[in-house]
Amino acid sequence: MSPPVEIRVEKRFRHRPERVFDAFLDPVRVGEWLFHTPEGVMERTEYDPRPGGSFAIFERRGADLARHFGRFVEIERPNRVVFDFRVDEAPDEPTRVTVTLEAEGDGCRVVLTHDLAPAWAAYAERTVAGWTMILDGLAKTVGD
């Protein structure tokens, strides 16, 4: 069995980890940034940010409906969120996403790692671009 392909994305925020962490787990505002694309229209967000809680986020992208699902594994305020993630294309193959927030000066650094199944290795660059866009959206949500 091949090991997972680790995707890593980092972003510096000008806000303390607590503020960014709270925005990451805000069920009211999650549709503003998580899996949200510039051309997309958010159709549905269900977000229960607690260990064992789940999420379902559906965005209309032209004629397609992008569906993202996850289950929270670990939440340690304000430094760590871990969830298992899946999309419709791989309903039986969740992948692990770990988000860490580290204080850095007056702000923080967010490091997101996504362990892709080897079968999805061809999507590594696309996945990096997607998570980069998502963290940029989170930055706009917190006012960076």
C-alpha atoms as a PDB file:
ATOM      1  CA  MET A   1       0.000   0.000   0.000  1.00  0.00           C
ATOM      2  CA  SER A   2       1.424   3.368  -1.033  1.00  0.00           C
ATOM      3  CA  PRO A   3       1.711   6.155   1.521  1.00  0.00           C
ATOM      4  CA  PRO A   4      -0.530   9.217   1.186  1.00  0.00           C
ATOM      5  CA  VAL A   5       0.633  12.245  -0.792  1.00  0.00           C
ATOM      6  CA  GLU A   6       1.003  15.146   1.635  1.00  0.00           C
ATOM      7  CA  ILE A   7      -0.175  18.541   0.434  1.00  0.00           C
ATOM      8  CA  ARG A   8       1.046  21.506   2.482  1.00  0.00           C
ATOM      9  CA  VAL A   9      -0.175  25.106   2.283  1.00  0.00           C
ATOM     10  CA  GLU A  10       0.909  27.949   4.579  1.00  0.00           C
ATOM     11  CA  LYS A  11      -0.499  31.434   5.018  1.00  0.00           C
ATOM     12  CA  ARG A  12       0.413  34.288   7.318  1.00  0.00           C
ATOM     13  CA  PHE A  13      -2.473  36.156   8.994  1.00  0.00           C
ATOM     14  CA  ARG A  14      -2.176  39.512  10.729  1.00  0.00           C
ATOM     15  CA  HIS A  15      -4.574  38.364  13.449  1.00  0.00           C
ATOM     16  CA  ARG A  16      -3.916  36.268  16.529  1.00  0.00           C
ATOM     17  CA  PRO A  17      -4.617  32.510  16.324  1.00  0.00           C
ATOM     18  CA  GLU A  18      -7.809  32.843  18.420  1.00  0.00           C
ATOM     19  CA  ARG A  19      -9.489  35.132  15.884  1.00  0.00           C
ATOM     20  CA  VAL A  20      -8.555  33.005  12.875  1.00  0.00           C
ATOM     21  CA  PHE A  21      -9.459  29.776  14.701  1.00  0.00           C
ATOM     22  CA  ASP A  22     -12.883  31.136  15.673  1.00  0.00           C
ATOM     23  CA  ALA A  23     -13.564  32.186  12.074  1.00  0.00           C
ATOM     24  CA  PHE A  24     -12.508  28.736  10.878  1.00  0.00           C
ATOM     25  CA  LEU A  25     -15.181  27.182  13.075  1.00  0.00           C
ATOM     26  CA  ASP A  26     -17.949  29.790  12.619  1.00  0.00           C
ATOM     27  CA  PRO A  27     -20.972  27.932  11.185  1.00  0.00           C
ATOM     28  CA  VAL A  28     -22.631  31.213  10.171  1.00  0.00           C
ATOM     29  CA  ARG A  29     -19.739  32.490   8.042  1.00  0.00           C
ATOM     30  CA  VAL A  30     -18.240  29.244   6.748  1.00  0.00           C
ATOM     31  CA  GLY A  31     -20.068  29.617   3.415  1.00  0.00           C
ATOM     32  CA  GLU A  32     -18.107  32.814   2.748  1.00  0.00           C
ATOM     33  CA  TRP A  33     -14.794  30.994   2.388  1.00  0.00           C
ATOM     34  CA  LEU A  34     -14.732  27.195   2.782  1.00  0.00           C
ATOM     35  CA  PHE A  35     -14.884  25.580  -0.685  1.00  0.00           C
ATOM     36  CA  HIS A  36     -16.239  28.879  -2.016  1.00  0.00           C
ATOM     37  CA  THR A  37     -15.068  29.867  -5.491  1.00  0.00           C
ATOM     38  CA  PRO A  38     -15.321  33.334  -7.076  1.00  0.00           C
ATOM     39  CA  GLU A  39     -17.863  32.166  -9.670  1.00  0.00           C
ATOM     40  CA  GLY A  40     -19.768  29.793  -7.384  1.00  0.00           C
ATOM     41  CA  VAL A  41     -23.049  30.248  -5.570  1.00  0.00           C
ATOM     42  CA  MET A  42     -23.258  28.653  -2.140  1.00  0.00           C
ATOM     43  CA  GLU A  43     -26.407  26.543  -1.987  1.00  0.00           C
ATOM     44  CA  ARG A  44     -26.132  24.767   1.352  1.00  0.00           C
ATOM     45  CA  THR A  45     -23.865  24.712   4.382  1.00  0.00           C
ATOM     46  CA  GLU A  46     -24.254  22.439   7.364  1.00  0.00           C
ATOM     47  CA  TYR A  47     -21.414  22.850   9.844  1.00  0.00           C
ATOM     48  CA  ASP A  48     -21.212  21.245  13.288  1.00  0.00           C
ATOM     49  CA  PRO A  49     -17.662  22.062  14.472  1.00  0.00           C
ATOM     50  CA  ARG A  50     -17.063  19.674  17.369  1.00  0.00           C
ATOM     51  CA  PRO A  51     -15.206  16.378  17.619  1.00  0.00           C
ATOM     52  CA  GLY A  52     -17.481  13.859  15.920  1.00  0.00           C
ATOM     53  CA  GLY A  53     -19.480  16.661  14.260  1.00  0.00           C
ATOM     54  CA  SER A  54     -19.747  16.833  10.505  1.00  0.00           C
ATOM     55  CA  PHE A  55     -20.111  19.268   7.644  1.00  0.00           C
ATOM     56  CA  ALA A  56     -21.725  19.306   4.225  1.00  0.00           C
ATOM     57  CA  ILE A  57     -21.059  22.224   1.882  1.00  0.00           C
ATOM     58  CA  PHE A  58     -22.695  22.458  -1.540  1.00  0.00           C
ATOM     59  CA  GLU A  59     -21.773  25.122  -4.077  1.00  0.00           C
ATOM     60  CA  ARG A  60     -23.298  25.608  -7.520  1.00  0.00           C
ATOM     61  CA  ARG A  61     -20.551  26.026 -10.125  1.00  0.00           C
ATOM     62  CA  GLY A  62     -22.301  26.612 -13.417  1.00  0.00           C
ATOM     63  CA  ALA A  63     -24.283  23.462 -14.204  1.00  0.00           C
ATOM     64  CA  ASP A  64     -22.369  21.437 -11.590  1.00  0.00           C
ATOM     65  CA  LEU A  65     -22.993  21.089  -7.877  1.00  0.00           C
ATOM     66  CA  ALA A  66     -19.724  20.686  -5.943  1.00  0.00           C
ATOM     67  CA  ARG A  67     -20.341  18.674  -2.760  1.00  0.00           C
ATOM     68  CA  HIS A  68     -17.849  18.573   0.098  1.00  0.00           C
ATOM     69  CA  PHE A  69     -18.245  16.502   3.261  1.00  0.00           C
ATOM     70  CA  GLY A  70     -16.242  16.089   6.418  1.00  0.00           C
ATOM     71  CA  ARG A  71     -16.169  14.838   9.973  1.00  0.00           C
ATOM     72  CA  PHE A  72     -14.249  16.659  12.684  1.00  0.00           C
ATOM     73  CA  VAL A  73     -11.745  14.428  14.443  1.00  0.00           C
ATOM     74  CA  GLU A  74      -9.941  16.847  16.734  1.00  0.00           C
ATOM     75  CA  ILE A  75     -10.453  20.475  17.763  1.00  0.00           C
ATOM     76  CA  GLU A  76      -8.009  22.191  20.115  1.00  0.00           C
ATOM     77  CA  ARG A  77      -8.693  25.913  20.439  1.00  0.00           C
ATOM     78  CA  PRO A  78      -6.846  27.949  19.230  1.00  0.00           C
ATOM     79  CA  ASN A  79      -4.159  25.785  17.651  1.00  0.00           C
ATOM     80  CA  ARG A  80      -5.469  22.732  15.824  1.00  0.00           C
ATOM     81  CA  VAL A  81      -8.362  21.388  13.756  1.00  0.00           C
ATOM     82  CA  VAL A  82      -8.313  17.919  12.204  1.00  0.00           C
ATOM     83  CA  PHE A  83     -11.034  16.546   9.964  1.00  0.00           C
ATOM     84  CA  ASP A  84     -11.627  13.696   7.572  1.00  0.00           C
ATOM     85  CA  PHE A  85     -12.681  15.047   4.191  1.00  0.00           C
ATOM     86  CA  ARG A  86     -14.403  13.548   1.184  1.00  0.00           C
ATOM     87  CA  VAL A  87     -16.151  14.557  -2.016  1.00  0.00           C
ATOM     88  CA  ASP A  88     -18.825  12.773  -4.015  1.00  0.00           C
ATOM     89  CA  GLU A  89     -16.202  11.450  -6.414  1.00  0.00           C
ATOM     90  CA  ALA A  90     -14.631   9.440  -3.567  1.00  0.00           C
ATOM     91  CA  PRO A  91     -17.416   8.751  -1.061  1.00  0.00           C
ATOM     92  CA  ASP A  92     -15.643   5.792   0.527  1.00  0.00           C
ATOM     93  CA  GLU A  93     -12.187   7.349   0.627  1.00  0.00           C
ATOM     94  CA  PRO A  94     -11.991  10.163   3.182  1.00  0.00           C
ATOM     95  CA  THR A  95      -8.665  11.928   3.453  1.00  0.00           C
ATOM     96  CA  ARG A  96      -7.192  13.645   6.514  1.00  0.00           C
ATOM     97  CA  VAL A  97      -6.814  17.420   6.735  1.00  0.00           C
ATOM     98  CA  THR A  98      -4.888  18.985   9.620  1.00  0.00           C
ATOM     99  CA  VAL A  99      -4.871  22.724  10.260  1.00  0.00           C
ATOM    100  CA  THR A 100      -2.465  24.214  12.780  1.00  0.00           C
ATOM    101  CA  LEU A 101      -2.334  27.832  13.887  1.00  0.00           C
ATOM    102  CA  GLU A 102       0.905  29.141  15.357  1.00  0.00           C
ATOM    103  CA  ALA A 103       1.340  32.557  16.970  1.00  0.00           C
ATOM    104  CA  GLU A 104       3.873  34.575  15.022  1.00  0.00           C
ATOM    105  CA  GLY A 105       4.574  38.140  16.145  1.00  0.00           C
ATOM    106  CA  ASP A 106       1.281  40.049  16.270  1.00  0.00           C
ATOM    107  CA  GLY A 107      -0.396  37.523  13.984  1.00  0.00           C
ATOM    108  CA  CYS A 108      -0.228  33.850  13.192  1.00  0.00           C
ATOM    109  CA  ARG A 109       0.779  31.317  10.597  1.00  0.00           C
ATOM    110  CA  VAL A 110      -1.748  28.761   9.426  1.00  0.00           C
ATOM    111  CA  VAL A 111      -0.338  25.492   8.127  1.00  0.00           C
ATOM    112  CA  LEU A 112      -2.760  23.154   6.372  1.00  0.00           C
ATOM    113  CA  THR A 113      -1.758  19.631   5.423  1.00  0.00           C
ATOM    114  CA  HIS A 114      -3.947  17.300   3.396  1.00  0.00           C
ATOM    115  CA  ASP A 115      -2.992  13.657   3.107  1.00  0.00           C
ATOM    116  CA  LEU A 116      -4.293  12.636  -0.311  1.00  0.00           C
ATOM    117  CA  ALA A 117      -4.847   8.980  -1.083  1.00  0.00           C
ATOM    118  CA  PRO A 118      -2.282   7.768  -3.651  1.00  0.00           C
ATOM    119  CA  ALA A 119      -5.092   7.361  -6.194  1.00  0.00           C
ATOM    120  CA  TRP A 120      -5.578  11.153  -6.077  1.00  0.00           C
ATOM    121  CA  ALA A 121      -1.891  12.063  -6.512  1.00  0.00           C
ATOM    122  CA  ALA A 122      -2.585  13.492  -9.978  1.00  0.00           C
ATOM    123  CA  TYR A 123      -4.734  16.149  -8.269  1.00  0.00           C
ATOM    124  CA  ALA A 124      -1.922  17.394  -5.988  1.00  0.00           C
ATOM    125  CA  GLU A 125      -1.320  20.718  -7.773  1.00  0.00           C
ATOM    126  CA  ARG A 126      -5.031  21.372  -8.110  1.00  0.00           C
ATOM    127  CA  THR A 127      -5.469  20.583  -4.411  1.00  0.00           C
ATOM    128  CA  VAL A 128      -2.713  23.036  -3.431  1.00  0.00           C
ATOM    129  CA  ALA A 129      -4.402  25.723  -5.551  1.00  0.00           C
ATOM    130  CA  GLY A 130      -7.773  24.958  -3.978  1.00  0.00           C
ATOM    131  CA  TRP A 131      -6.527  25.147  -0.384  1.00  0.00           C
ATOM    132  CA  THR A 132      -4.584  28.327  -1.201  1.00  0.00           C
ATOM    133  CA  MET A 133      -7.800  29.921  -2.513  1.00  0.00           C
ATOM    134  CA  ILE A 134      -9.672  28.722   0.591  1.00  0.00           C
ATOM    135  CA  LEU A 135      -7.113  30.210   3.001  1.00  0.00           C
ATOM    136  CA  ASP A 136      -7.202  33.460   1.012  1.00  0.00           C
ATOM    137  CA  GLY A 137     -10.991  33.449   1.480  1.00  0.00           C
ATOM    138  CA  LEU A 138     -10.555  32.843   5.203  1.00  0.00           C
ATOM    139  CA  ALA A 139      -8.192  35.833   5.325  1.00  0.00           C
ATOM    140  CA  LYS A 140     -10.876  38.040   3.751  1.00  0.00           C
ATOM    141  CA  THR A 141     -13.425  36.725   6.253  1.00  0.00           C
ATOM    142  CA  VAL A 142     -11.249  37.694   9.237  1.00  0.00           C
ATOM    143  CA  GLY A 143     -10.318  41.020   7.668  1.00  0.00           C
ATOM    144  CA  ASP A 144      -6.712  40.394   6.689  1.00  0.00           C
END
